[in-house]
C-alpha atoms as a PDB file:
ATOM      1  CA  UNK A   1      -0.095   0.132   0.295  1.00  0.00           C
ATOM      2  CA  UNK A   2       2.801   2.189   0.699  1.00  0.00           C
ATOM      3  CA  UNK A   3       4.545   1.326  -2.328  1.00  0.00           C
ATOM      4  CA  UNK A   4       1.285   2.145  -4.307  1.00  0.00           C
ATOM      5  CA  UNK A   5       1.168   5.669  -2.717  1.00  0.00           C
ATOM      6  CA  UNK A   6       4.812   6.063  -3.584  1.00  0.00           C
ATOM      7  CA  UNK A   7       4.700   5.247  -7.081  1.00  0.00           C
ATOM      8  CA  UNK A   8       1.214   6.430  -7.771  1.00  0.00           C
ATOM      9  CA  UNK A   9       0.809   9.418  -5.525  1.00  0.00           C
ATOM     10  CA  UNK A  10      -2.601   7.917  -4.323  1.00  0.00           C
ATOM     11  CA  UNK A  11      -3.459   5.190  -1.459  1.00  0.00           C
ATOM     12  CA  UNK A  12      -5.126   1.896  -3.025  1.00  0.00           C
ATOM     13  CA  UNK A  13      -8.568   1.426  -1.925  1.00  0.00           C
ATOM     14  CA  UNK A  14      -9.524  -1.803   0.108  1.00  0.00           C
ATOM     15  CA  UNK A  15     -12.583  -3.281   0.288  1.00  0.00           C
ATOM     16  CA  UNK A  16     -12.831  -5.612   2.964  1.00  0.00           C
ATOM     17  CA  UNK A  17     -15.563  -8.690   2.580  1.00  0.00           C
ATOM     18  CA  UNK A  18     -14.349 -10.937   4.723  1.00  0.00           C
ATOM     19  CA  UNK A  19     -14.882  -8.758   8.050  1.00  0.00           C
ATOM     20  CA  UNK A  20     -18.169  -7.532   6.512  1.00  0.00           C
ATOM     21  CA  UNK A  21     -19.375 -10.402   3.965  1.00  0.00           C
ATOM     22  CA  UNK A  22     -22.138  -9.722   1.489  1.00  0.00           C
ATOM     23  CA  UNK A  23     -25.451 -10.805   1.979  1.00  0.00           C
ATOM     24  CA  UNK A  24     -24.830 -13.885  -0.415  1.00  0.00           C
ATOM     25  CA  UNK A  25     -21.879 -15.158   1.519  1.00  0.00           C
ATOM     26  CA  UNK A  26     -19.381 -13.718  -0.514  1.00  0.00           C
ATOM     27  CA  UNK A  27     -16.159 -13.123   1.133  1.00  0.00           C
ATOM     28  CA  UNK A  28     -12.948 -11.763  -0.350  1.00  0.00           C
ATOM     29  CA  UNK A  29     -10.409  -8.701   0.023  1.00  0.00           C
ATOM     30  CA  UNK A  30     -10.600  -6.229  -3.080  1.00  0.00           C
ATOM     31  CA  UNK A  31      -7.843  -3.637  -3.372  1.00  0.00           C
ATOM     32  CA  UNK A  32      -8.402  -1.153  -6.029  1.00  0.00           C
ATOM     33  CA  UNK A  33      -5.159   0.625  -7.458  1.00  0.00           C
ATOM     34  CA  UNK A  34      -3.426   1.866 -10.265  1.00  0.00           C
ATOM     35  CA  UNK A  35      -0.926  -0.077 -12.317  1.00  0.00           C
ATOM     36  CA  UNK A  36       0.841   1.361 -15.408  1.00  0.00           C
ATOM     37  CA  UNK A  37      -1.485   4.157 -15.621  1.00  0.00           C
ATOM     38  CA  UNK A  38      -4.576   2.163 -15.444  1.00  0.00           C
ATOM     39  CA  UNK A  39      -7.253   1.387 -12.655  1.00  0.00           C
ATOM     40  CA  UNK A  40      -6.758  -1.973 -11.603  1.00  0.00           C
ATOM     41  CA  UNK A  41      -8.890  -4.496  -9.117  1.00  0.00           C
ATOM     42  CA  UNK A  42      -6.891  -7.294  -7.181  1.00  0.00           C
ATOM     43  CA  UNK A  43      -9.465  -9.879  -5.546  1.00  0.00           C
ATOM     44  CA  UNK A  44      -7.408 -12.203  -3.052  1.00  0.00           C
ATOM     45  CA  UNK A  45      -9.493 -14.870  -1.958  1.00  0.00           C
ATOM     46  CA  UNK A  46      -8.879 -18.700  -0.435  1.00  0.00           C
ATOM     47  CA  UNK A  47      -9.457 -21.478  -2.952  1.00  0.00           C
ATOM     48  CA  UNK A  48     -12.876 -22.365  -1.181  1.00  0.00           C
ATOM     49  CA  UNK A  49     -13.796 -18.196  -1.634  1.00  0.00           C
ATOM     50  CA  UNK A  50     -13.419 -18.627  -5.275  1.00  0.00           C
ATOM     51  CA  UNK A  51     -15.682 -21.846  -5.543  1.00  0.00           C
ATOM     52  CA  UNK A  52     -18.291 -19.540  -3.773  1.00  0.00           C
ATOM     53  CA  UNK A  53     -17.945 -16.650  -5.790  1.00  0.00           C
ATOM     54  CA  UNK A  54     -18.303 -18.663  -9.226  1.00  0.00           C
ATOM     55  CA  UNK A  55     -21.274 -20.378  -7.684  1.00  0.00           C
ATOM     56  CA  UNK A  56     -22.698 -17.290  -6.981  1.00  0.00           C
ATOM     57  CA  UNK A  57     -22.029 -15.639 -10.424  1.00  0.00           C
ATOM     58  CA  UNK A  58     -23.196 -18.933 -12.121  1.00  0.00           C
ATOM     59  CA  UNK A  59     -26.486 -19.101 -10.178  1.00  0.00           C
ATOM     60  CA  UNK A  60     -26.693 -14.898 -11.051  1.00  0.00           C
ATOM     61  CA  UNK A  61     -26.502 -15.684 -15.035  1.00  0.00           C
ATOM     62  CA  UNK A  62     -29.163 -18.551 -14.843  1.00  0.00           C
ATOM     63  CA  UNK A  63     -32.417 -17.805 -16.293  1.00  0.00           C
ATOM     64  CA  UNK A  64     -35.126 -17.555 -13.455  1.00  0.00           C
ATOM     65  CA  UNK A  65     -36.926 -20.881 -15.006  1.00  0.00           C
ATOM     66  CA  UNK A  66     -33.613 -22.781 -14.169  1.00  0.00           C
ATOM     67  CA  UNK A  67     -32.918 -21.731 -10.964  1.00  0.00           C
ATOM     68  CA  UNK A  68     -36.497 -22.143  -9.410  1.00  0.00           C
ATOM     69  CA  UNK A  69     -37.517 -25.273 -11.703  1.00  0.00           C
END
């Protein structure tokens, strides 16, 4: 974080969904930073957190008929 401040002149924004999970149960730490002049988001999560995130994303894109059938 201090390195980002030194290199980019601005602090990274950290969103901690581990400390405050979303209603869906999603947990991860998101870091919003600038890398080579571009806004970048880094998501830090365990293998299980990643599987949960993919599961929730897959449900979100399924047609309603399939989810409730």
